[in-house]
Amino acid sequence: MAGYTAGESDRRPWGRWTVLEAGAGYAVKRIEVIPGGQLSLQRHRFRAEQWVVVAGTALVMLDEEEFPLGPGGSVHIAVGQTHRVSNPGAETMVFIEVQTGEKLDESDIERLEDRYGRA
């Protein structure tokens, strides 16, 4: 069962996330990243993620590769893969994150680097 519940939301130094839907083995989040905001460099032991940018421009780091994604762009993040996203633009960037796996909650975040001191 998912550790998230639909409607759950949280503010972070880089923006906010809201759970749109959650069920057994999946969760769907809407994630907003403020201009200049950056999520931690992280990986997950129990879940994979699929990101689809819906507004703004994302700068994605996946393992050692870094690339931009605009609206409609997507990326798959496998279990254990190192990743990060930031917003290099002047407007809020929004992406949809679909998580799949056996354990879906905030405890499955291993922060490797974080500009906000949370690593």
C-alpha atoms as a PDB file:
ATOM      1  CA  MET A   1       0.000   0.000   0.000  1.00  0.00           C
ATOM      2  CA  ALA A   2       1.186   3.509  -0.735  1.00  0.00           C
ATOM      3  CA  GLY A   3       2.493   5.605   2.140  1.00  0.00           C
ATOM      4  CA  TYR A   4       1.045   8.716   0.503  1.00  0.00           C
ATOM      5  CA  THR A   5      -2.588   9.805   0.478  1.00  0.00           C
ATOM      6  CA  ALA A   6      -4.327  11.893  -2.171  1.00  0.00           C
ATOM      7  CA  GLY A   7      -4.406  15.554  -1.160  1.00  0.00           C
ATOM      8  CA  GLU A   8      -1.291  15.313   1.031  1.00  0.00           C
ATOM      9  CA  SER A   9       1.031  18.264   0.430  1.00  0.00           C
ATOM     10  CA  ASP A  10       4.265  19.712   1.772  1.00  0.00           C
ATOM     11  CA  ARG A  11       6.334  22.870   1.292  1.00  0.00           C
ATOM     12  CA  ARG A  12      10.078  22.546   0.782  1.00  0.00           C
ATOM     13  CA  PRO A  13      12.861  25.141   0.394  1.00  0.00           C
ATOM     14  CA  TRP A  14      12.702  24.599  -3.397  1.00  0.00           C
ATOM     15  CA  GLY A  15       8.879  24.734  -3.749  1.00  0.00           C
ATOM     16  CA  ARG A  16       6.097  22.235  -2.929  1.00  0.00           C
ATOM     17  CA  TRP A  17       4.609  18.856  -3.776  1.00  0.00           C
ATOM     18  CA  THR A  18       1.027  17.588  -3.723  1.00  0.00           C
ATOM     19  CA  VAL A  19      -0.149  13.995  -4.019  1.00  0.00           C
ATOM     20  CA  LEU A  20      -2.778  13.766  -6.774  1.00  0.00           C
ATOM     21  CA  GLU A  21      -3.469  10.023  -6.494  1.00  0.00           C
ATOM     22  CA  ALA A  22      -2.077   7.050  -4.580  1.00  0.00           C
ATOM     23  CA  GLY A  23      -2.769   3.347  -4.464  1.00  0.00           C
ATOM     24  CA  ALA A  24      -1.127  -0.038  -4.042  1.00  0.00           C
ATOM     25  CA  GLY A  25       2.296   0.213  -5.695  1.00  0.00           C
ATOM     26  CA  TYR A  26       1.931   3.726  -7.145  1.00  0.00           C
ATOM     27  CA  ALA A  27       1.705   7.427  -6.271  1.00  0.00           C
ATOM     28  CA  VAL A  28       1.274  10.488  -8.502  1.00  0.00           C
ATOM     29  CA  LYS A  29       2.622  13.868  -7.368  1.00  0.00           C
ATOM     30  CA  ARG A  30       2.457  17.394  -8.784  1.00  0.00           C
ATOM     31  CA  ILE A  31       5.770  19.079  -8.001  1.00  0.00           C
ATOM     32  CA  GLU A  32       6.399  22.837  -8.270  1.00  0.00           C
ATOM     33  CA  VAL A  33       9.972  24.158  -8.280  1.00  0.00           C
ATOM     34  CA  ILE A  34      10.508  27.892  -7.775  1.00  0.00           C
ATOM     35  CA  PRO A  35      12.921  29.808 -10.042  1.00  0.00           C
ATOM     36  CA  GLY A  36      16.456  28.878  -8.981  1.00  0.00           C
ATOM     37  CA  GLY A  37      15.142  26.011  -6.831  1.00  0.00           C
ATOM     38  CA  GLN A  38      16.888  22.662  -6.777  1.00  0.00           C
ATOM     39  CA  LEU A  39      15.911  19.324  -5.249  1.00  0.00           C
ATOM     40  CA  SER A  40      18.606  17.303  -3.493  1.00  0.00           C
ATOM     41  CA  LEU A  41      20.845  14.893  -5.379  1.00  0.00           C
ATOM     42  CA  GLN A  42      19.204  11.638  -4.310  1.00  0.00           C
ATOM     43  CA  ARG A  43      18.363   8.031  -4.963  1.00  0.00           C
ATOM     44  CA  HIS A  44      15.682   5.584  -3.837  1.00  0.00           C
ATOM     45  CA  ARG A  45      16.002   1.949  -2.743  1.00  0.00           C
ATOM     46  CA  PHE A  46      12.386   0.924  -3.307  1.00  0.00           C
ATOM     47  CA  ARG A  47      10.869   3.020  -6.076  1.00  0.00           C
ATOM     48  CA  ALA A  48      11.260   4.085  -9.677  1.00  0.00           C
ATOM     49  CA  GLU A  49       9.980   7.441 -10.929  1.00  0.00           C
ATOM     50  CA  GLN A  50       8.741   8.852 -14.207  1.00  0.00           C
ATOM     51  CA  TRP A  51       8.802  12.644 -14.554  1.00  0.00           C
ATOM     52  CA  VAL A  52       6.843  14.661 -17.133  1.00  0.00           C
ATOM     53  CA  VAL A  53       7.421  18.417 -17.278  1.00  0.00           C
ATOM     54  CA  VAL A  54       4.173  20.348 -17.761  1.00  0.00           C
ATOM     55  CA  ALA A  55       5.317  23.987 -17.305  1.00  0.00           C
ATOM     56  CA  GLY A  56       8.646  25.795 -17.414  1.00  0.00           C
ATOM     57  CA  THR A  57      12.071  24.261 -17.986  1.00  0.00           C
ATOM     58  CA  ALA A  58      13.702  21.561 -15.877  1.00  0.00           C
ATOM     59  CA  LEU A  59      17.406  20.848 -15.701  1.00  0.00           C
ATOM     60  CA  VAL A  60      17.684  17.130 -14.916  1.00  0.00           C
ATOM     61  CA  MET A  61      20.743  15.305 -13.620  1.00  0.00           C
ATOM     62  CA  LEU A  62      20.557  11.535 -14.102  1.00  0.00           C
ATOM     63  CA  ASP A  63      23.684   9.746 -12.883  1.00  0.00           C
ATOM     64  CA  GLU A  64      26.482  11.761 -14.568  1.00  0.00           C
ATOM     65  CA  GLU A  65      24.348  13.197 -17.410  1.00  0.00           C
ATOM     66  CA  GLU A  66      22.673  16.617 -17.245  1.00  0.00           C
ATOM     67  CA  PHE A  67      20.028  17.761 -19.753  1.00  0.00           C
ATOM     68  CA  PRO A  68      17.102  20.214 -20.072  1.00  0.00           C
ATOM     69  CA  LEU A  69      13.451  19.170 -20.373  1.00  0.00           C
ATOM     70  CA  GLY A  70      10.615  21.451 -21.476  1.00  0.00           C
ATOM     71  CA  PRO A  71       6.853  20.919 -21.407  1.00  0.00           C
ATOM     72  CA  GLY A  72       6.026  17.406 -22.601  1.00  0.00           C
ATOM     73  CA  GLY A  73       9.563  16.168 -21.944  1.00  0.00           C
ATOM     74  CA  SER A  74       9.937  13.115 -19.740  1.00  0.00           C
ATOM     75  CA  VAL A  75      12.558  10.977 -18.039  1.00  0.00           C
ATOM     76  CA  HIS A  76      12.510   7.561 -16.357  1.00  0.00           C
ATOM     77  CA  ILE A  77      14.492   7.129 -13.137  1.00  0.00           C
ATOM     78  CA  ALA A  78      15.225   3.505 -12.237  1.00  0.00           C
ATOM     79  CA  VAL A  79      15.414   2.189  -8.673  1.00  0.00           C
ATOM     80  CA  GLY A  80      18.817   3.175  -7.230  1.00  0.00           C
ATOM     81  CA  GLN A  81      19.622   5.705  -9.954  1.00  0.00           C
ATOM     82  CA  THR A  82      21.124   9.019  -8.778  1.00  0.00           C
ATOM     83  CA  HIS A  83      19.023  12.024  -9.831  1.00  0.00           C
ATOM     84  CA  ARG A  84      18.208  15.676  -9.240  1.00  0.00           C
ATOM     85  CA  VAL A  85      16.076  18.372 -10.856  1.00  0.00           C
ATOM     86  CA  SER A  86      16.433  22.137 -10.760  1.00  0.00           C
ATOM     87  CA  ASN A  87      14.647  25.118 -12.252  1.00  0.00           C
ATOM     88  CA  PRO A  88      17.006  27.379 -14.239  1.00  0.00           C
ATOM     89  CA  GLY A  89      14.125  29.520 -15.524  1.00  0.00           C
ATOM     90  CA  ALA A  90      12.374  32.692 -14.380  1.00  0.00           C
ATOM     91  CA  GLU A  91       8.959  31.050 -13.860  1.00  0.00           C
ATOM     92  CA  THR A  92       7.803  28.219 -11.628  1.00  0.00           C
ATOM     93  CA  MET A  93       8.542  24.836 -13.188  1.00  0.00           C
ATOM     94  CA  VAL A  94       5.952  22.102 -12.714  1.00  0.00           C
ATOM     95  CA  PHE A  95       6.328  18.378 -13.313  1.00  0.00           C
ATOM     96  CA  ILE A  96       4.239  15.305 -12.663  1.00  0.00           C
ATOM     97  CA  GLU A  97       6.013  12.468 -10.876  1.00  0.00           C
ATOM     98  CA  VAL A  98       4.693   8.903 -11.073  1.00  0.00           C
ATOM     99  CA  GLN A  99       6.251   6.653  -8.462  1.00  0.00           C
ATOM    100  CA  THR A 100       6.050   2.866  -8.688  1.00  0.00           C
ATOM    101  CA  GLY A 101       7.441   0.350  -6.235  1.00  0.00           C
ATOM    102  CA  GLU A 102       7.035  -1.572  -3.038  1.00  0.00           C
ATOM    103  CA  LYS A 103       7.647   1.321  -0.607  1.00  0.00           C
ATOM    104  CA  LEU A 104       6.369   4.786  -1.447  1.00  0.00           C
ATOM    105  CA  ASP A 105       6.988   7.421   1.210  1.00  0.00           C
ATOM    106  CA  GLU A 106       9.413  10.203   2.126  1.00  0.00           C
ATOM    107  CA  SER A 107      11.648   7.823   4.127  1.00  0.00           C
ATOM    108  CA  ASP A 108      12.847   6.303   0.826  1.00  0.00           C
ATOM    109  CA  ILE A 109      14.976   9.351  -0.022  1.00  0.00           C
ATOM    110  CA  GLU A 110      18.735   9.031   0.357  1.00  0.00           C
ATOM    111  CA  ARG A 111      20.076  12.579   0.006  1.00  0.00           C
ATOM    112  CA  LEU A 112      23.625  12.645  -1.348  1.00  0.00           C
ATOM    113  CA  GLU A 113      23.962  16.427  -1.752  1.00  0.00           C
ATOM    114  CA  ASP A 114      21.638  19.287  -0.814  1.00  0.00           C
ATOM    115  CA  ARG A 115      22.084  23.058  -1.080  1.00  0.00           C
ATOM    116  CA  TYR A 116      19.604  23.544   1.786  1.00  0.00           C
ATOM    117  CA  GLY A 117      21.635  21.525   4.335  1.00  0.00           C
ATOM    118  CA  ARG A 118      19.357  18.466   4.457  1.00  0.00           C
ATOM    119  CA  ALA A 119      21.901  15.849   3.262  1.00  0.00           C
END
